[in-house]
Amino acid sequence: ELRRMGIKTIMCTGDNPLTAATIA
């Protein structure tokens, strides 16, 4: 829905890249 509004979403996390990629 945010994408349709033209809004980009960025997730910030202290997790390692592999965990972050899976959650993202």
PDB file of all heavy atoms in Angstrom:
ATOM      1  N   GLU A   1       0.836  -1.207   0.000  1.00  0.00           N
ATOM      2  CA  GLU A   1       0.000   0.000   0.000  1.00  0.00           C
ATOM      3  C   GLU A   1       0.867   1.252   0.000  1.00  0.00           C
ATOM      4  O   GLU A   1       0.591   2.217  -0.721  1.00  0.00           O
ATOM      5  CB  GLU A   1      -0.909  -0.021   1.227  1.00  0.00           C
ATOM      6  CG  GLU A   1      -1.872   1.146   1.317  1.00  0.00           C
ATOM      7  CD  GLU A   1      -2.746   1.084   2.548  1.00  0.00           C
ATOM      8  OE1 GLU A   1      -2.837  -0.002   3.164  1.00  0.00           O
ATOM      9  OE2 GLU A   1      -3.342   2.118   2.902  1.00  0.00           O
ATOM     10  N   LEU A   2       1.925   1.239   0.803  1.00  0.00           N
ATOM     11  CA  LEU A   2       2.849   2.374   0.815  1.00  0.00           C
ATOM     12  C   LEU A   2       3.515   2.550  -0.544  1.00  0.00           C
ATOM     13  O   LEU A   2       3.744   3.677  -1.002  1.00  0.00           O
ATOM     14  CB  LEU A   2       3.914   2.167   1.898  1.00  0.00           C
ATOM     15  CG  LEU A   2       3.437   2.338   3.342  1.00  0.00           C
ATOM     16  CD1 LEU A   2       4.512   1.887   4.313  1.00  0.00           C
ATOM     17  CD2 LEU A   2       3.064   3.783   3.621  1.00  0.00           C
ATOM     18  N   ARG A   3       3.829   1.434  -1.190  1.00  0.00           N
ATOM     19  CA  ARG A   3       4.448   1.493  -2.517  1.00  0.00           C
ATOM     20  C   ARG A   3       3.513   2.184  -3.506  1.00  0.00           C
ATOM     21  O   ARG A   3       3.949   2.964  -4.360  1.00  0.00           O
ATOM     22  CB  ARG A   3       4.803   0.077  -2.965  1.00  0.00           C
ATOM     23  CG  ARG A   3       5.936  -0.001  -3.969  1.00  0.00           C
ATOM     24  CD  ARG A   3       6.414  -1.434  -4.147  1.00  0.00           C
ATOM     25  NE  ARG A   3       7.081  -1.934  -2.957  1.00  0.00           N
ATOM     26  CZ  ARG A   3       6.640  -2.923  -2.196  1.00  0.00           C
ATOM     27  NH1 ARG A   3       5.509  -3.539  -2.495  1.00  0.00           N
ATOM     28  NH2 ARG A   3       7.304  -3.307  -1.128  1.00  0.00           N
ATOM     29  N   ARG A   4       2.216   1.894  -3.394  1.00  0.00           N
ATOM     30  CA  ARG A   4       1.238   2.534  -4.282  1.00  0.00           C
ATOM     31  C   ARG A   4       1.126   4.028  -3.984  1.00  0.00           C
ATOM     32  O   ARG A   4       0.746   4.810  -4.849  1.00  0.00           O
ATOM     33  CB  ARG A   4      -0.129   1.866  -4.119  1.00  0.00           C
ATOM     34  CG  ARG A   4      -0.203   0.466  -4.706  1.00  0.00           C
ATOM     35  CD  ARG A   4      -1.644  -0.014  -4.822  1.00  0.00           C
ATOM     36  NE  ARG A   4      -2.294  -0.159  -3.528  1.00  0.00           N
ATOM     37  CZ  ARG A   4      -2.240  -1.263  -2.783  1.00  0.00           C
ATOM     38  NH1 ARG A   4      -1.554  -2.327  -3.222  1.00  0.00           N
ATOM     39  NH2 ARG A   4      -2.876  -1.329  -1.634  1.00  0.00           N
ATOM     40  N   MET A   5       1.445   4.421  -2.749  1.00  0.00           N
ATOM     41  CA  MET A   5       1.472   5.840  -2.393  1.00  0.00           C
ATOM     42  C   MET A   5       2.726   6.526  -2.928  1.00  0.00           C
ATOM     43  O   MET A   5       2.852   7.750  -2.827  1.00  0.00           O
ATOM     44  CB  MET A   5       1.452   6.005  -0.867  1.00  0.00           C
ATOM     45  CG  MET A   5       0.183   5.596  -0.181  1.00  0.00           C
ATOM     46  SD  MET A   5       0.348   5.912   1.620  1.00  0.00           S
ATOM     47  CE  MET A   5      -1.146   5.159   2.243  1.00  0.00           C
ATOM     48  N   GLY A   6       3.667   5.739  -3.430  1.00  0.00           N
ATOM     49  CA  GLY A   6       4.927   6.301  -3.889  1.00  0.00           C
ATOM     50  C   GLY A   6       5.953   6.445  -2.791  1.00  0.00           C
ATOM     51  O   GLY A   6       6.880   7.257  -2.894  1.00  0.00           O
ATOM     52  N   ILE A   7       5.812   5.649  -1.723  1.00  0.00           N
ATOM     53  CA  ILE A   7       6.721   5.736  -0.578  1.00  0.00           C
ATOM     54  C   ILE A   7       7.635   4.518  -0.547  1.00  0.00           C
ATOM     55  O   ILE A   7       7.167   3.379  -0.599  1.00  0.00           O
ATOM     56  CB  ILE A   7       5.923   5.817   0.746  1.00  0.00           C
ATOM     57  CG1 ILE A   7       5.069   7.080   0.753  1.00  0.00           C
ATOM     58  CG2 ILE A   7       6.855   5.797   1.947  1.00  0.00           C
ATOM     59  CD1 ILE A   7       4.118   7.170   1.929  1.00  0.00           C
ATOM     60  N   LYS A   8       8.926   4.778  -0.461  1.00  0.00           N
ATOM     61  CA  LYS A   8       9.920   3.716  -0.363  1.00  0.00           C
ATOM     62  C   LYS A   8      10.117   3.338   1.101  1.00  0.00           C
ATOM     63  O   LYS A   8      10.219   4.204   1.968  1.00  0.00           O
ATOM     64  CB  LYS A   8      11.248   4.185  -0.968  1.00  0.00           C
ATOM     65  CG  LYS A   8      12.370   3.154  -0.871  1.00  0.00           C
ATOM     66  CD  LYS A   8      13.605   3.596  -1.645  1.00  0.00           C
ATOM     67  CE  LYS A   8      14.256   4.804  -1.040  1.00  0.00           C
ATOM     68  NZ  LYS A   8      15.529   5.172  -1.683  1.00  0.00           N
ATOM     69  N   THR A   9      10.164   2.029   1.384  1.00  0.00           N
ATOM     70  CA  THR A   9      10.354   1.556   2.752  1.00  0.00           C
ATOM     71  C   THR A   9      11.737   0.934   2.913  1.00  0.00           C
ATOM     72  O   THR A   9      12.179   0.152   2.076  1.00  0.00           O
ATOM     73  CB  THR A   9       9.281   0.521   3.138  1.00  0.00           C
ATOM     74  OG1 THR A   9       9.254  -0.522   2.153  1.00  0.00           O
ATOM     75  CG2 THR A   9       7.916   1.164   3.204  1.00  0.00           C
ATOM     76  N   ILE A  10      12.411   1.324   3.994  1.00  0.00           N
ATOM     77  CA  ILE A  10      13.753   0.806   4.290  1.00  0.00           C
ATOM     78  C   ILE A  10      13.756   0.288   5.727  1.00  0.00           C
ATOM     79  O   ILE A  10      13.412   1.018   6.660  1.00  0.00           O
ATOM     80  CB  ILE A  10      14.828   1.893   4.131  1.00  0.00           C
ATOM     81  CG1 ILE A  10      14.792   2.495   2.729  1.00  0.00           C
ATOM     82  CG2 ILE A  10      16.212   1.326   4.425  1.00  0.00           C
ATOM     83  CD1 ILE A  10      15.744   3.662   2.533  1.00  0.00           C
ATOM     84  N   MET A  11      14.126  -0.967   5.898  1.00  0.00           N
ATOM     85  CA  MET A  11      14.200  -1.567   7.227  1.00  0.00           C
ATOM     86  C   MET A  11      15.620  -1.447   7.782  1.00  0.00           C
ATOM     87  O   MET A  11      16.586  -1.768   7.095  1.00  0.00           O
ATOM     88  CB  MET A  11      13.815  -3.050   7.149  1.00  0.00           C
ATOM     89  CG  MET A  11      13.873  -3.780   8.485  1.00  0.00           C
ATOM     90  SD  MET A  11      13.570  -5.560   8.294  1.00  0.00           S
ATOM     91  CE  MET A  11      15.171  -6.111   7.669  1.00  0.00           C
ATOM     92  N   CYS A  12      15.738  -0.952   9.009  1.00  0.00           N
ATOM     93  CA  CYS A  12      17.029  -0.873   9.694  1.00  0.00           C
ATOM     94  C   CYS A  12      17.053  -1.909  10.813  1.00  0.00           C
ATOM     95  O   CYS A  12      16.102  -2.019  11.588  1.00  0.00           O
ATOM     96  CB  CYS A  12      17.250   0.512  10.282  1.00  0.00           C
ATOM     97  SG  CYS A  12      17.723   1.754   9.072  1.00  0.00           S
ATOM     98  N   THR A  13      18.120  -2.661  10.888  1.00  0.00           N
ATOM     99  CA  THR A  13      18.226  -3.681  11.918  1.00  0.00           C
ATOM    100  C   THR A  13      19.680  -3.909  12.291  1.00  0.00           C
ATOM    101  O   THR A  13      20.589  -3.717  11.477  1.00  0.00           O
ATOM    102  CB  THR A  13      17.605  -5.011  11.434  1.00  0.00           C
ATOM    103  OG1 THR A  13      17.812  -6.022  12.424  1.00  0.00           O
ATOM    104  CG2 THR A  13      18.213  -5.466  10.132  1.00  0.00           C
ATOM    105  N   GLY A  14      19.900  -4.304  13.520  1.00  0.00           N
ATOM    106  CA  GLY A  14      21.247  -4.661  13.956  1.00  0.00           C
ATOM    107  C   GLY A  14      21.620  -6.077  13.588  1.00  0.00           C
ATOM    108  O   GLY A  14      22.749  -6.516  13.852  1.00  0.00           O
ATOM    109  N   ASP A  15      20.681  -6.820  12.971  1.00  0.00           N
ATOM    110  CA  ASP A  15      20.950  -8.199  12.585  1.00  0.00           C
ATOM    111  C   ASP A  15      22.000  -8.277  11.479  1.00  0.00           C
ATOM    112  O   ASP A  15      22.268  -7.304  10.765  1.00  0.00           O
ATOM    113  CB  ASP A  15      19.664  -8.874  12.086  1.00  0.00           C
ATOM    114  CG  ASP A  15      18.677  -9.132  13.220  1.00  0.00           C
ATOM    115  OD1 ASP A  15      19.138  -9.269  14.365  1.00  0.00           O
ATOM    116  OD2 ASP A  15      17.470  -9.185  12.945  1.00  0.00           O
ATOM    117  N   ASN A  16      22.555  -9.473  11.319  1.00  0.00           N
ATOM    118  CA  ASN A  16      23.522  -9.678  10.245  1.00  0.00           C
ATOM    119  C   ASN A  16      22.800  -9.639   8.897  1.00  0.00           C
ATOM    120  O   ASN A  16      21.575  -9.780   8.816  1.00  0.00           O
ATOM    121  CB  ASN A  16      24.264 -11.006  10.437  1.00  0.00           C
ATOM    122  CG  ASN A  16      23.309 -12.187  10.381  1.00  0.00           C
ATOM    123  OD1 ASN A  16      22.729 -12.479   9.339  1.00  0.00           O
ATOM    124  ND2 ASN A  16      23.130 -12.868  11.500  1.00  0.00           N
ATOM    125  N   PRO A  17      23.528  -9.448   7.799  1.00  0.00           N
ATOM    126  CA  PRO A  17      22.901  -9.290   6.483  1.00  0.00           C
ATOM    127  C   PRO A  17      22.001 -10.451   6.081  1.00  0.00           C
ATOM    128  O   PRO A  17      20.973 -10.235   5.429  1.00  0.00           O
ATOM    129  CB  PRO A  17      24.105  -9.162   5.537  1.00  0.00           C
ATOM    130  CG  PRO A  17      25.192  -8.596   6.393  1.00  0.00           C
ATOM    131  CD  PRO A  17      24.990  -9.218   7.744  1.00  0.00           C
ATOM    132  N   LEU A  18      22.358 -11.663   6.456  1.00  0.00           N
ATOM    133  CA  LEU A  18      21.558 -12.819   6.049  1.00  0.00           C
ATOM    134  C   LEU A  18      20.196 -12.806   6.738  1.00  0.00           C
ATOM    135  O   LEU A  18      19.147 -12.997   6.098  1.00  0.00           O
ATOM    136  CB  LEU A  18      22.307 -14.107   6.378  1.00  0.00           C
ATOM    137  CG  LEU A  18      21.786 -15.395   5.728  1.00  0.00           C
ATOM    138  CD1 LEU A  18      21.731 -15.255   4.225  1.00  0.00           C
ATOM    139  CD2 LEU A  18      22.658 -16.580   6.129  1.00  0.00           C
ATOM    140  N   THR A  19      20.194 -12.570   8.054  1.00  0.00           N
ATOM    141  CA  THR A  19      18.925 -12.474   8.790  1.00  0.00           C
ATOM    142  C   THR A  19      18.100 -11.303   8.273  1.00  0.00           C
ATOM    143  O   THR A  19      16.888 -11.413   8.070  1.00  0.00           O
ATOM    144  CB  THR A  19      19.185 -12.296  10.297  1.00  0.00           C
ATOM    145  OG1 THR A  19      19.935 -13.398  10.783  1.00  0.00           O
ATOM    146  CG2 THR A  19      17.885 -12.184  11.072  1.00  0.00           C
ATOM    147  N   ALA A  20      18.754 -10.167   8.062  1.00  0.00           N
ATOM    148  CA  ALA A  20      18.059  -8.969   7.587  1.00  0.00           C
ATOM    149  C   ALA A  20      17.408  -9.214   6.232  1.00  0.00           C
ATOM    150  O   ALA A  20      16.261  -8.816   5.992  1.00  0.00           O
ATOM    151  CB  ALA A  20      19.034  -7.799   7.502  1.00  0.00           C
ATOM    152  N   ALA A  21      18.124  -9.884   5.335  1.00  0.00           N
ATOM    153  CA  ALA A  21      17.588 -10.158   3.999  1.00  0.00           C
ATOM    154  C   ALA A  21      16.366 -11.068   4.081  1.00  0.00           C
ATOM    155  O   ALA A  21      15.387 -10.883   3.349  1.00  0.00           O
ATOM    156  CB  ALA A  21      18.663 -10.787   3.123  1.00  0.00           C
ATOM    157  N   THR A  22      16.418 -12.056   4.968  1.00  0.00           N
ATOM    158  CA  THR A  22      15.292 -12.981   5.118  1.00  0.00           C
ATOM    159  C   THR A  22      14.057 -12.250   5.625  1.00  0.00           C
ATOM    160  O   THR A  22      12.949 -12.417   5.086  1.00  0.00           O
ATOM    161  CB  THR A  22      15.657 -14.117   6.089  1.00  0.00           C
ATOM    162  OG1 THR A  22      16.813 -14.800   5.604  1.00  0.00           O
ATOM    163  CG2 THR A  22      14.510 -15.100   6.223  1.00  0.00           C
ATOM    164  N   ILE A  23      14.220 -11.423   6.665  1.00  0.00           N
ATOM    165  CA  ILE A  23      13.097 -10.670   7.219  1.00  0.00           C
ATOM    166  C   ILE A  23      12.573  -9.666   6.197  1.00  0.00           C
ATOM    167  O   ILE A  23      11.356  -9.500   6.033  1.00  0.00           O
ATOM    168  CB  ILE A  23      13.510  -9.947   8.516  1.00  0.00           C
ATOM    169  CG1 ILE A  23      13.868 -10.968   9.600  1.00  0.00           C
ATOM    170  CG2 ILE A  23      12.403  -9.027   8.992  1.00  0.00           C
ATOM    171  CD1 ILE A  23      12.702 -11.775  10.115  1.00  0.00           C
ATOM    172  N   ALA A  24      13.481  -8.987   5.497  1.00  0.00           N
ATOM    173  CA  ALA A  24      13.073  -7.995   4.500  1.00  0.00           C
ATOM    174  C   ALA A  24      12.253  -8.640   3.388  1.00  0.00           C
ATOM    175  O   ALA A  24      11.247  -8.083   2.934  1.00  0.00           O
ATOM    176  CB  ALA A  24      14.305  -7.304   3.912  1.00  0.00           C
TER     177      ALA A  24
END
